[in-house]
């Protein structure tokens, strides 16, 4: 079936062949109802209480996310300052229009000692969110998600854009995001205490684009 996929503001995300029917797209649900949905092979987020289908990441996207995850995992093995979790639903809270808000970031990190889950559901804003932007999600990552992560107090937000070969690092300062520059081929995180992201290694994964 050939159709357009839209975000929840009605903007076209991508035109593609959809092999499975996204049977939940457009439904209005609470976070509890959303978490109780049966898997149908599609990828969703809950935006202000409305279920929205989002394009599944391709293998190139995944390799970029994996490189960042590997760096974080490697650091945390020797420095147990928190937990990193890839590709997981995160219930942030109530959206600006009153419905529940659940995003599925590429990577999240929580500092050690934080209570961030109930059973197997993440119910708290992460300390760090990483999104790997694509042509279909770039605007959404830079505008809508950035505003929401700022509002819910996510300490750092990294946007990695393989197509543009760029990085954007935002840090929460007095409740607002401030752009932070890297130091050559290194970005030093404050959310992940003592961690420095090797940008050269991440850039090498861009070569496949």
N, C-alpha and C. Protein backbone atom coordinates (compact mmCIF):
# COMPACT_ATOMS: atom_id res chain seq x y z
N UNK A 1 0.85 -1.18 0.00
CA UNK A 1 0.00 0.00 0.00
C UNK A 1 0.89 1.23 0.00
N UNK A 2 0.61 2.18 -0.84
CA UNK A 2 1.40 3.38 -0.97
C UNK A 2 0.64 4.53 -0.34
N UNK A 3 1.25 5.22 0.61
CA UNK A 3 0.55 6.33 1.25
C UNK A 3 1.55 7.29 1.85
N UNK A 4 1.03 8.44 2.30
CA UNK A 4 1.84 9.43 2.97
C UNK A 4 1.78 9.19 4.47
N UNK A 5 2.92 9.34 5.13
CA UNK A 5 2.94 9.34 6.58
C UNK A 5 3.07 10.77 7.04
N UNK A 6 2.28 11.15 8.05
CA UNK A 6 2.28 12.50 8.58
C UNK A 6 2.70 12.48 10.03
N UNK A 7 3.21 13.63 10.51
CA UNK A 7 3.38 13.75 11.94
C UNK A 7 2.06 14.23 12.52
N UNK A 8 2.02 14.43 13.84
CA UNK A 8 0.74 14.77 14.47
C UNK A 8 0.34 16.22 14.28
N UNK A 9 1.17 17.02 13.64
CA UNK A 9 0.77 18.37 13.26
C UNK A 9 0.24 18.39 11.83
N UNK A 10 0.21 17.23 11.18
CA UNK A 10 -0.33 17.15 9.84
C UNK A 10 0.70 17.30 8.74
N UNK A 11 1.97 17.48 9.08
CA UNK A 11 3.00 17.65 8.07
C UNK A 11 3.44 16.29 7.55
N UNK A 12 3.74 16.23 6.25
CA UNK A 12 4.17 14.98 5.66
C UNK A 12 5.56 14.63 6.16
N UNK A 13 5.72 13.43 6.68
CA UNK A 13 7.04 12.96 7.11
C UNK A 13 7.74 12.27 5.96
N UNK A 14 7.09 11.34 5.33
CA UNK A 14 7.75 10.59 4.28
C UNK A 14 6.71 9.87 3.44
N UNK A 15 6.96 9.72 2.14
CA UNK A 15 6.11 8.94 1.26
C UNK A 15 6.80 7.59 1.05
N UNK A 16 6.13 6.53 1.39
CA UNK A 16 6.79 5.24 1.30
C UNK A 16 5.75 4.13 1.18
N UNK A 17 6.21 2.93 0.86
CA UNK A 17 5.36 1.76 0.85
C UNK A 17 5.24 1.24 2.27
N UNK A 18 4.02 1.04 2.69
CA UNK A 18 3.76 0.52 4.02
C UNK A 18 3.18 -0.87 3.88
N UNK A 19 3.93 -1.88 4.34
CA UNK A 19 3.50 -3.25 4.16
C UNK A 19 2.47 -3.66 5.20
N UNK A 20 2.53 -3.09 6.39
CA UNK A 20 1.59 -3.43 7.44
C UNK A 20 0.66 -2.25 7.70
N UNK A 21 -0.58 -2.55 8.00
CA UNK A 21 -1.52 -1.51 8.34
C UNK A 21 -1.21 -0.98 9.74
N UNK A 22 -1.05 0.34 9.85
CA UNK A 22 -0.79 0.97 11.14
C UNK A 22 -2.13 1.17 11.83
N UNK A 23 -2.60 0.14 12.48
CA UNK A 23 -3.99 0.15 12.95
C UNK A 23 -4.24 1.08 14.13
N UNK A 24 -3.18 1.53 14.81
CA UNK A 24 -3.38 2.40 15.96
C UNK A 24 -3.21 3.88 15.63
N UNK A 25 -2.67 4.19 14.46
CA UNK A 25 -2.37 5.58 14.10
C UNK A 25 -3.64 6.43 14.18
N UNK A 26 -3.55 7.55 14.90
CA UNK A 26 -4.66 8.48 15.02
C UNK A 26 -5.58 8.23 16.21
N UNK A 27 -5.40 7.11 16.91
CA UNK A 27 -6.24 6.82 18.08
C UNK A 27 -5.88 7.76 19.23
N UNK A 28 -6.88 8.15 20.00
CA UNK A 28 -6.65 8.98 21.18
C UNK A 28 -6.65 8.08 22.41
N UNK A 29 -5.49 8.02 23.10
CA UNK A 29 -5.32 7.10 24.21
C UNK A 29 -4.61 7.76 25.38
N UNK A 30 -4.76 7.18 26.55
CA UNK A 30 -3.94 7.56 27.70
C UNK A 30 -2.63 6.79 27.62
N UNK A 31 -1.67 7.17 28.45
CA UNK A 31 -0.39 6.44 28.49
C UNK A 31 -0.62 4.98 28.87
N UNK A 32 -1.50 4.74 29.84
CA UNK A 32 -1.78 3.36 30.26
C UNK A 32 -2.34 2.54 29.09
N UNK A 33 -3.28 3.12 28.35
CA UNK A 33 -3.87 2.41 27.21
C UNK A 33 -2.84 2.17 26.12
N UNK A 34 -1.97 3.16 25.91
CA UNK A 34 -0.92 3.03 24.89
C UNK A 34 0.02 1.88 25.22
N UNK A 35 0.43 1.78 26.47
CA UNK A 35 1.36 0.73 26.86
C UNK A 35 0.72 -0.66 26.80
N UNK A 36 -0.61 -0.71 26.78
CA UNK A 36 -1.30 -1.99 26.72
C UNK A 36 -1.58 -2.46 25.29
N UNK A 37 -1.23 -1.65 24.29
CA UNK A 37 -1.47 -2.03 22.89
C UNK A 37 -0.68 -3.27 22.52
N UNK A 38 -1.26 -4.12 21.69
CA UNK A 38 -0.53 -5.27 21.16
C UNK A 38 0.37 -4.81 20.02
N UNK A 39 1.52 -5.45 19.88
CA UNK A 39 2.44 -5.13 18.80
C UNK A 39 1.80 -5.42 17.45
N UNK A 40 1.96 -4.49 16.49
CA UNK A 40 1.45 -4.73 15.14
C UNK A 40 2.53 -4.57 14.07
N UNK A 41 3.81 -4.48 14.51
CA UNK A 41 4.91 -4.36 13.58
C UNK A 41 5.24 -2.95 13.17
N UNK A 42 4.50 -1.96 13.68
CA UNK A 42 4.75 -0.56 13.34
C UNK A 42 5.35 0.16 14.56
N UNK A 43 5.94 1.31 14.29
CA UNK A 43 6.61 2.09 15.34
C UNK A 43 5.76 3.33 15.63
N UNK A 44 5.48 3.58 16.89
CA UNK A 44 4.59 4.67 17.27
C UNK A 44 5.19 5.54 18.36
N UNK A 45 4.64 6.74 18.48
CA UNK A 45 4.83 7.60 19.64
C UNK A 45 3.44 8.12 20.02
N UNK A 46 3.29 8.60 21.25
CA UNK A 46 2.02 9.16 21.71
C UNK A 46 2.22 10.65 21.92
N UNK A 47 1.60 11.44 21.06
CA UNK A 47 1.81 12.89 21.06
C UNK A 47 0.54 13.58 21.54
N UNK A 48 0.61 14.14 22.75
CA UNK A 48 -0.57 14.78 23.34
C UNK A 48 -1.78 13.87 23.29
N UNK A 49 -1.58 12.62 23.62
CA UNK A 49 -2.67 11.68 23.70
C UNK A 49 -3.12 11.07 22.39
N UNK A 50 -2.42 11.37 21.29
CA UNK A 50 -2.77 10.83 19.98
C UNK A 50 -1.64 9.92 19.49
N UNK A 51 -2.00 8.70 19.08
CA UNK A 51 -1.00 7.74 18.59
C UNK A 51 -0.55 8.16 17.18
N UNK A 52 0.75 8.30 17.01
CA UNK A 52 1.31 8.73 15.73
C UNK A 52 2.34 7.70 15.25
N UNK A 53 2.16 7.23 14.04
CA UNK A 53 3.15 6.31 13.46
C UNK A 53 4.37 7.11 13.04
N UNK A 54 5.54 6.59 13.35
CA UNK A 54 6.79 7.22 12.94
C UNK A 54 7.59 6.24 12.09
N UNK A 55 8.32 6.73 11.09
CA UNK A 55 9.10 5.83 10.23
C UNK A 55 10.13 5.04 11.03
N UNK A 56 10.25 3.77 10.74
CA UNK A 56 11.28 2.96 11.39
C UNK A 56 12.66 3.38 10.89
N UNK A 57 13.67 3.40 11.76
CA UNK A 57 15.01 3.79 11.32
C UNK A 57 15.61 2.77 10.38
N UNK A 58 16.38 3.25 9.39
CA UNK A 58 17.05 2.33 8.48
C UNK A 58 18.39 1.89 9.07
N UNK A 59 19.08 0.99 8.37
CA UNK A 59 20.31 0.42 8.93
C UNK A 59 21.41 1.46 9.08
N UNK A 60 21.43 2.46 8.21
CA UNK A 60 22.46 3.51 8.32
C UNK A 60 22.25 4.31 9.61
N UNK A 61 20.99 4.68 9.83
CA UNK A 61 20.60 5.38 11.06
C UNK A 61 21.03 4.56 12.28
N UNK A 62 20.76 3.27 12.24
CA UNK A 62 21.07 2.41 13.37
C UNK A 62 22.56 2.31 13.64
N UNK A 63 23.38 2.31 12.60
CA UNK A 63 24.83 2.24 12.81
C UNK A 63 25.35 3.49 13.51
N UNK A 64 24.79 4.65 13.17
CA UNK A 64 25.19 5.88 13.86
C UNK A 64 24.79 5.80 15.33
N UNK A 65 23.55 5.40 15.59
CA UNK A 65 23.08 5.28 16.97
C UNK A 65 23.90 4.25 17.75
N UNK A 66 24.25 3.14 17.10
CA UNK A 66 25.02 2.11 17.77
C UNK A 66 26.41 2.59 18.16
N UNK A 67 27.05 3.38 17.30
CA UNK A 67 28.38 3.90 17.63
C UNK A 67 28.32 4.75 18.90
N UNK A 68 27.31 5.61 18.99
CA UNK A 68 27.17 6.45 20.18
C UNK A 68 26.87 5.59 21.40
N UNK A 69 25.97 4.61 21.24
CA UNK A 69 25.64 3.72 22.34
C UNK A 69 26.87 2.96 22.82
N UNK A 70 27.67 2.43 21.88
CA UNK A 70 28.87 1.68 22.25
C UNK A 70 29.83 2.54 23.06
N UNK A 71 30.00 3.79 22.64
CA UNK A 71 30.88 4.68 23.39
C UNK A 71 30.38 4.89 24.82
N UNK A 72 29.07 5.10 24.95
CA UNK A 72 28.50 5.30 26.28
C UNK A 72 28.61 4.04 27.12
N UNK A 73 28.26 2.88 26.54
CA UNK A 73 28.37 1.62 27.28
C UNK A 73 29.81 1.37 27.72
N UNK A 74 30.75 1.61 26.81
CA UNK A 74 32.16 1.38 27.15
C UNK A 74 32.60 2.24 28.32
N UNK A 75 32.17 3.49 28.33
CA UNK A 75 32.54 4.39 29.42
C UNK A 75 31.91 3.94 30.73
N UNK A 76 30.63 3.56 30.67
CA UNK A 76 29.90 3.21 31.89
C UNK A 76 30.41 1.92 32.53
N UNK A 77 31.05 1.05 31.74
CA UNK A 77 31.62 -0.17 32.32
C UNK A 77 32.67 0.17 33.37
N UNK A 78 33.45 1.18 33.10
CA UNK A 78 34.50 1.57 34.05
C UNK A 78 34.09 2.70 34.96
N UNK A 79 33.00 3.37 34.61
CA UNK A 79 32.54 4.52 35.40
C UNK A 79 31.02 4.41 35.55
N UNK A 80 30.54 3.67 36.54
CA UNK A 80 29.11 3.39 36.67
C UNK A 80 28.31 4.59 37.20
N UNK A 81 28.23 5.63 36.39
CA UNK A 81 27.56 6.86 36.82
C UNK A 81 26.10 6.91 36.38
N UNK A 82 25.62 5.84 35.73
CA UNK A 82 24.23 5.85 35.29
C UNK A 82 23.96 4.69 34.34
N UNK A 83 22.81 4.78 33.66
CA UNK A 83 22.38 3.72 32.75
C UNK A 83 22.01 4.31 31.40
N UNK A 84 22.45 3.66 30.33
CA UNK A 84 22.09 4.07 28.98
C UNK A 84 21.14 3.02 28.40
N UNK A 85 20.08 3.49 27.71
CA UNK A 85 19.07 2.60 27.16
C UNK A 85 18.74 3.07 25.75
N UNK A 86 18.86 2.21 24.75
CA UNK A 86 18.54 2.62 23.37
C UNK A 86 17.09 2.32 23.01
N UNK A 87 16.53 3.14 22.12
CA UNK A 87 15.27 2.87 21.42
C UNK A 87 14.18 2.36 22.35
N UNK A 88 13.73 3.22 23.26
CA UNK A 88 12.75 2.80 24.26
C UNK A 88 11.69 3.89 24.43
N UNK A 89 10.45 3.47 24.73
CA UNK A 89 9.38 4.42 25.01
C UNK A 89 9.66 5.14 26.32
N UNK A 90 9.48 6.47 26.31
CA UNK A 90 9.69 7.29 27.51
C UNK A 90 8.44 8.13 27.73
N UNK A 91 7.76 7.90 28.84
CA UNK A 91 6.59 8.70 29.20
C UNK A 91 7.08 9.95 29.92
N UNK A 92 7.05 11.07 29.22
CA UNK A 92 7.55 12.31 29.78
C UNK A 92 6.56 12.95 30.75
N UNK A 93 5.27 12.83 30.46
CA UNK A 93 4.24 13.47 31.27
C UNK A 93 3.10 13.93 30.40
N UNK A 94 2.54 15.10 30.72
CA UNK A 94 1.40 15.65 29.98
C UNK A 94 1.89 16.66 28.95
N UNK A 95 1.43 16.52 27.72
CA UNK A 95 1.81 17.43 26.65
C UNK A 95 1.13 18.79 26.77
N UNK A 96 1.50 19.75 25.91
CA UNK A 96 0.97 21.12 26.01
C UNK A 96 -0.53 21.23 25.79
N UNK A 97 -1.13 20.22 25.15
CA UNK A 97 -2.58 20.26 24.92
C UNK A 97 -3.34 19.32 25.84
N UNK A 98 -2.67 18.82 26.87
CA UNK A 98 -3.36 18.08 27.91
C UNK A 98 -3.33 16.57 27.83
N UNK A 99 -2.83 15.99 26.73
CA UNK A 99 -2.75 14.54 26.61
C UNK A 99 -1.39 14.02 27.02
N UNK A 100 -1.30 12.70 27.20
CA UNK A 100 -0.02 12.10 27.58
C UNK A 100 0.98 12.18 26.44
N UNK A 101 2.26 12.28 26.80
CA UNK A 101 3.34 12.43 25.83
C UNK A 101 4.35 11.30 26.03
N UNK A 102 4.49 10.46 24.99
CA UNK A 102 5.45 9.35 25.02
C UNK A 102 6.28 9.41 23.76
N UNK A 103 7.58 9.66 23.90
CA UNK A 103 8.50 9.65 22.77
C UNK A 103 9.32 8.36 22.82
N UNK A 104 9.94 8.06 21.67
CA UNK A 104 10.82 6.89 21.60
C UNK A 104 12.18 7.34 21.05
N UNK A 105 13.02 7.92 21.91
CA UNK A 105 14.31 8.43 21.45
C UNK A 105 15.24 7.30 21.03
N UNK A 106 16.27 7.67 20.26
CA UNK A 106 17.28 6.68 19.85
C UNK A 106 18.08 6.19 21.05
N UNK A 107 18.43 7.11 21.96
CA UNK A 107 19.22 6.77 23.15
C UNK A 107 18.78 7.65 24.30
N UNK A 108 18.68 7.08 25.50
CA UNK A 108 18.47 7.88 26.70
C UNK A 108 19.47 7.44 27.77
N UNK A 109 19.74 8.35 28.68
CA UNK A 109 20.65 8.09 29.80
C UNK A 109 20.03 8.65 31.07
N UNK A 110 20.12 7.85 32.15
CA UNK A 110 19.67 8.28 33.47
C UNK A 110 20.83 8.19 34.46
N UNK A 111 21.00 9.21 35.26
CA UNK A 111 22.05 9.20 36.26
C UNK A 111 21.78 8.14 37.31
N UNK A 112 22.86 7.61 37.88
CA UNK A 112 22.76 6.59 38.93
C UNK A 112 21.96 7.14 40.11
N UNK A 113 21.12 6.29 40.66
CA UNK A 113 20.34 6.68 41.84
C UNK A 113 18.98 7.24 41.52
N UNK A 114 18.72 7.54 40.27
CA UNK A 114 17.40 8.09 39.92
C UNK A 114 16.37 6.97 39.81
N UNK A 115 15.17 7.22 40.30
CA UNK A 115 14.05 6.31 40.09
C UNK A 115 13.35 6.77 38.82
N UNK A 116 13.44 5.98 37.77
CA UNK A 116 12.92 6.44 36.48
C UNK A 116 11.93 5.47 35.84
N UNK A 117 11.60 4.37 36.53
CA UNK A 117 10.70 3.39 35.90
C UNK A 117 9.76 2.78 36.91
N UNK A 118 8.64 2.30 36.39
CA UNK A 118 7.72 1.46 37.15
C UNK A 118 7.59 0.16 36.37
N UNK A 119 7.98 -0.94 36.99
CA UNK A 119 8.06 -2.23 36.28
C UNK A 119 8.94 -2.03 35.05
N UNK A 120 8.42 -2.29 33.85
CA UNK A 120 9.24 -2.16 32.64
C UNK A 120 8.94 -0.90 31.86
N UNK A 121 8.28 0.09 32.46
CA UNK A 121 7.92 1.34 31.77
C UNK A 121 8.74 2.50 32.31
N UNK A 122 9.33 3.28 31.41
CA UNK A 122 10.08 4.48 31.82
C UNK A 122 9.09 5.63 31.97
N UNK A 123 9.09 6.25 33.14
CA UNK A 123 8.07 7.24 33.48
C UNK A 123 8.67 8.58 33.90
N UNK A 124 9.92 8.82 33.57
CA UNK A 124 10.58 10.06 33.99
C UNK A 124 11.42 10.61 32.85
N UNK A 125 11.59 11.94 32.79
CA UNK A 125 12.45 12.52 31.76
C UNK A 125 13.90 12.09 31.96
N UNK A 126 14.59 11.67 30.90
CA UNK A 126 16.00 11.28 31.02
C UNK A 126 16.89 12.48 31.33
N UNK A 127 18.11 12.19 31.74
CA UNK A 127 19.11 13.25 31.90
C UNK A 127 19.74 13.62 30.56
N UNK A 128 19.79 12.65 29.65
CA UNK A 128 20.32 12.87 28.30
C UNK A 128 19.41 12.17 27.30
N UNK A 129 19.12 12.87 26.21
CA UNK A 129 18.42 12.26 25.07
C UNK A 129 19.27 12.48 23.83
N UNK A 130 19.43 11.42 23.03
CA UNK A 130 20.12 11.50 21.74
C UNK A 130 19.13 11.11 20.66
N UNK A 131 18.99 11.97 19.65
CA UNK A 131 18.18 11.67 18.47
C UNK A 131 19.08 11.72 17.24
N UNK A 132 19.01 10.69 16.41
CA UNK A 132 19.71 10.68 15.12
C UNK A 132 18.70 11.16 14.08
N UNK A 133 18.91 12.34 13.54
CA UNK A 133 17.94 12.96 12.64
C UNK A 133 18.02 12.34 11.25
N UNK A 134 16.88 12.32 10.59
CA UNK A 134 16.80 11.90 9.19
C UNK A 134 16.05 12.99 8.43
N UNK A 135 15.97 12.84 7.12
CA UNK A 135 15.25 13.82 6.31
C UNK A 135 13.82 13.97 6.78
N UNK A 136 13.19 12.86 7.18
CA UNK A 136 11.78 12.88 7.55
C UNK A 136 11.54 13.38 8.98
N UNK A 137 12.58 13.35 9.84
CA UNK A 137 12.37 13.73 11.25
C UNK A 137 13.13 14.98 11.66
N UNK A 138 13.95 15.54 10.76
CA UNK A 138 14.85 16.63 11.14
C UNK A 138 14.10 17.80 11.79
N UNK A 139 13.05 18.28 11.14
CA UNK A 139 12.31 19.43 11.68
C UNK A 139 11.67 19.09 13.02
N UNK A 140 11.10 17.90 13.11
CA UNK A 140 10.43 17.45 14.33
C UNK A 140 11.42 17.36 15.49
N UNK A 141 12.62 16.81 15.22
CA UNK A 141 13.64 16.69 16.26
C UNK A 141 14.11 18.06 16.73
N UNK A 142 14.27 19.01 15.80
CA UNK A 142 14.85 20.31 16.13
C UNK A 142 13.84 21.28 16.73
N UNK A 143 12.57 21.07 16.47
CA UNK A 143 11.57 22.02 16.95
C UNK A 143 10.69 21.41 18.04
N UNK A 144 9.80 20.52 17.66
CA UNK A 144 8.82 19.99 18.60
C UNK A 144 9.47 19.23 19.75
N UNK A 145 10.32 18.26 19.41
CA UNK A 145 10.93 17.45 20.47
C UNK A 145 11.87 18.28 21.34
N UNK A 146 12.61 19.16 20.72
CA UNK A 146 13.53 20.00 21.49
C UNK A 146 12.76 20.83 22.52
N UNK A 147 11.64 21.42 22.11
CA UNK A 147 10.84 22.22 23.04
C UNK A 147 10.30 21.37 24.18
N UNK A 148 9.87 20.15 23.86
CA UNK A 148 9.33 19.28 24.90
C UNK A 148 10.42 18.79 25.85
N UNK A 149 11.57 18.40 25.31
CA UNK A 149 12.66 17.95 26.19
C UNK A 149 13.12 19.09 27.10
N UNK A 150 13.15 20.29 26.58
CA UNK A 150 13.50 21.45 27.40
C UNK A 150 12.47 21.64 28.51
N UNK A 151 11.19 21.58 28.16
CA UNK A 151 10.11 21.81 29.11
C UNK A 151 10.10 20.78 30.23
N UNK A 152 10.47 19.53 29.90
CA UNK A 152 10.46 18.48 30.92
C UNK A 152 11.79 18.34 31.65
N UNK A 153 12.75 19.20 31.35
CA UNK A 153 13.97 19.24 32.14
C UNK A 153 15.04 18.24 31.77
N UNK A 154 15.07 17.79 30.51
CA UNK A 154 16.16 16.92 30.05
C UNK A 154 17.45 17.73 30.04
N UNK A 155 18.46 17.30 30.76
CA UNK A 155 19.65 18.12 30.98
C UNK A 155 20.44 18.38 29.71
N UNK A 156 20.59 17.35 28.85
CA UNK A 156 21.29 17.52 27.57
C UNK A 156 20.50 16.85 26.47
N UNK A 157 20.52 17.50 25.31
CA UNK A 157 19.86 16.96 24.14
C UNK A 157 20.83 17.05 22.97
N UNK A 158 21.18 15.87 22.41
CA UNK A 158 22.10 15.82 21.27
C UNK A 158 21.31 15.43 20.03
N UNK A 159 21.49 16.20 18.97
CA UNK A 159 20.92 15.85 17.67
C UNK A 159 22.08 15.58 16.72
N UNK A 160 22.14 14.36 16.23
CA UNK A 160 23.19 13.96 15.30
C UNK A 160 22.54 13.80 13.93
N UNK A 161 23.04 14.55 12.94
CA UNK A 161 22.43 14.56 11.60
C UNK A 161 23.43 14.00 10.59
N UNK A 162 23.33 12.71 10.27
CA UNK A 162 24.30 12.10 9.34
C UNK A 162 24.26 12.68 7.95
N UNK A 163 23.08 13.05 7.46
CA UNK A 163 22.98 13.60 6.11
C UNK A 163 23.69 14.94 5.99
N UNK A 164 23.58 15.76 7.01
CA UNK A 164 24.26 17.05 7.02
C UNK A 164 25.63 16.98 7.67
N UNK A 165 25.95 15.77 8.18
CA UNK A 165 27.24 15.55 8.85
C UNK A 165 27.47 16.57 9.97
N UNK A 166 26.44 16.73 10.79
CA UNK A 166 26.50 17.76 11.82
C UNK A 166 26.06 17.22 13.18
N UNK A 167 26.46 17.96 14.21
CA UNK A 167 26.08 17.66 15.59
C UNK A 167 25.51 18.94 16.20
N UNK A 168 24.48 18.78 17.02
CA UNK A 168 23.96 19.88 17.81
C UNK A 168 23.88 19.41 19.26
N UNK A 169 24.50 20.15 20.16
CA UNK A 169 24.51 19.80 21.57
C UNK A 169 23.85 20.94 22.35
N UNK A 170 22.76 20.62 23.04
CA UNK A 170 22.07 21.61 23.86
C UNK A 170 22.13 21.18 25.31
N UNK A 171 22.34 22.15 26.19
CA UNK A 171 22.42 21.89 27.63
C UNK A 171 21.46 22.82 28.35
N UNK A 172 20.77 22.28 29.34
CA UNK A 172 19.79 23.06 30.09
C UNK A 172 20.50 23.99 31.07
N UNK A 173 20.27 25.28 30.90
CA UNK A 173 20.85 26.30 31.78
C UNK A 173 19.71 27.22 32.22
N UNK A 174 19.42 27.23 33.51
CA UNK A 174 18.32 28.05 34.05
C UNK A 174 17.01 27.78 33.31
N UNK A 175 16.76 26.49 33.04
CA UNK A 175 15.49 26.10 32.44
C UNK A 175 15.39 26.27 30.94
N UNK A 176 16.45 26.72 30.28
CA UNK A 176 16.43 26.91 28.84
C UNK A 176 17.64 26.23 28.20
N UNK A 177 17.47 25.75 26.97
CA UNK A 177 18.57 25.11 26.27
C UNK A 177 19.54 26.16 25.72
N UNK A 178 20.81 25.87 25.95
CA UNK A 178 21.91 26.70 25.42
C UNK A 178 22.77 25.80 24.56
N UNK A 179 23.13 26.27 23.36
CA UNK A 179 23.97 25.49 22.46
C UNK A 179 25.40 25.45 23.00
N UNK A 180 25.96 24.24 23.04
CA UNK A 180 27.31 24.04 23.57
C UNK A 180 28.22 23.55 22.44
N UNK A 181 29.34 24.18 22.28
CA UNK A 181 30.29 23.80 21.22
C UNK A 181 31.13 22.61 21.66
N UNK A 182 31.53 21.83 20.68
CA UNK A 182 32.46 20.73 20.94
C UNK A 182 33.88 21.29 21.02
N UNK A 183 34.80 20.46 21.49
CA UNK A 183 36.21 20.85 21.56
C UNK A 183 36.96 20.02 20.52
N UNK A 184 37.05 20.53 19.31
CA UNK A 184 37.67 19.77 18.23
C UNK A 184 36.85 18.54 17.93
N UNK A 185 37.44 17.37 18.10
CA UNK A 185 36.76 16.10 17.83
C UNK A 185 36.17 15.48 19.08
N UNK A 186 35.93 16.30 20.10
CA UNK A 186 35.41 15.78 21.37
C UNK A 186 34.28 16.68 21.87
N UNK A 187 33.22 16.05 22.37
CA UNK A 187 32.21 16.80 23.11
C UNK A 187 32.18 16.26 24.53
N UNK A 188 32.37 17.16 25.50
CA UNK A 188 32.41 16.76 26.90
C UNK A 188 31.04 16.97 27.53
N UNK A 189 30.45 15.88 27.99
CA UNK A 189 29.12 15.92 28.56
C UNK A 189 29.15 16.27 30.04
N UNK A 190 28.13 16.99 30.49
CA UNK A 190 27.92 17.19 31.92
C UNK A 190 26.83 16.27 32.44
N UNK A 191 25.91 15.88 31.55
CA UNK A 191 24.85 14.95 31.96
C UNK A 191 25.44 13.58 32.32
N UNK A 192 26.39 13.12 31.50
CA UNK A 192 27.10 11.86 31.77
C UNK A 192 28.46 12.27 32.33
N UNK A 193 28.55 12.30 33.64
CA UNK A 193 29.72 12.88 34.30
C UNK A 193 31.02 12.23 33.83
N UNK A 194 31.94 13.08 33.30
CA UNK A 194 33.26 12.62 32.89
C UNK A 194 33.33 12.05 31.49
N UNK A 195 32.21 11.92 30.80
CA UNK A 195 32.20 11.28 29.48
C UNK A 195 32.53 12.29 28.38
N UNK A 196 33.34 11.86 27.41
CA UNK A 196 33.66 12.67 26.24
C UNK A 196 33.32 11.87 24.98
N UNK A 197 32.42 12.39 24.16
CA UNK A 197 32.01 11.72 22.93
C UNK A 197 33.07 11.91 21.85
N UNK A 198 33.53 10.81 21.27
CA UNK A 198 34.52 10.84 20.20
C UNK A 198 33.79 11.13 18.88
N UNK A 199 33.82 12.39 18.45
CA UNK A 199 33.08 12.80 17.26
C UNK A 199 33.69 12.21 15.99
N UNK A 200 35.00 12.02 15.97
CA UNK A 200 35.65 11.45 14.78
C UNK A 200 35.13 10.05 14.51
N UNK A 201 34.94 9.26 15.57
CA UNK A 201 34.43 7.90 15.40
C UNK A 201 33.00 7.92 14.90
N UNK A 202 32.21 8.86 15.37
CA UNK A 202 30.82 8.97 14.89
C UNK A 202 30.82 9.42 13.43
N UNK A 203 31.69 10.35 13.08
CA UNK A 203 31.74 10.84 11.69
C UNK A 203 32.08 9.71 10.73
N UNK A 204 32.85 8.75 11.16
CA UNK A 204 33.20 7.64 10.28
C UNK A 204 31.96 6.84 9.88
N UNK A 205 30.96 6.82 10.74
CA UNK A 205 29.71 6.12 10.37
C UNK A 205 28.90 6.94 9.36
N UNK A 206 29.19 8.23 9.23
CA UNK A 206 28.48 9.07 8.25
C UNK A 206 28.89 8.71 6.82
N UNK A 207 30.06 8.08 6.65
CA UNK A 207 30.58 7.84 5.30
C UNK A 207 29.67 6.95 4.48
N UNK A 208 28.80 6.19 5.12
CA UNK A 208 27.89 5.30 4.38
C UNK A 208 26.70 6.04 3.80
N UNK A 209 26.55 7.33 4.13
CA UNK A 209 25.37 8.06 3.67
C UNK A 209 25.60 8.60 2.26
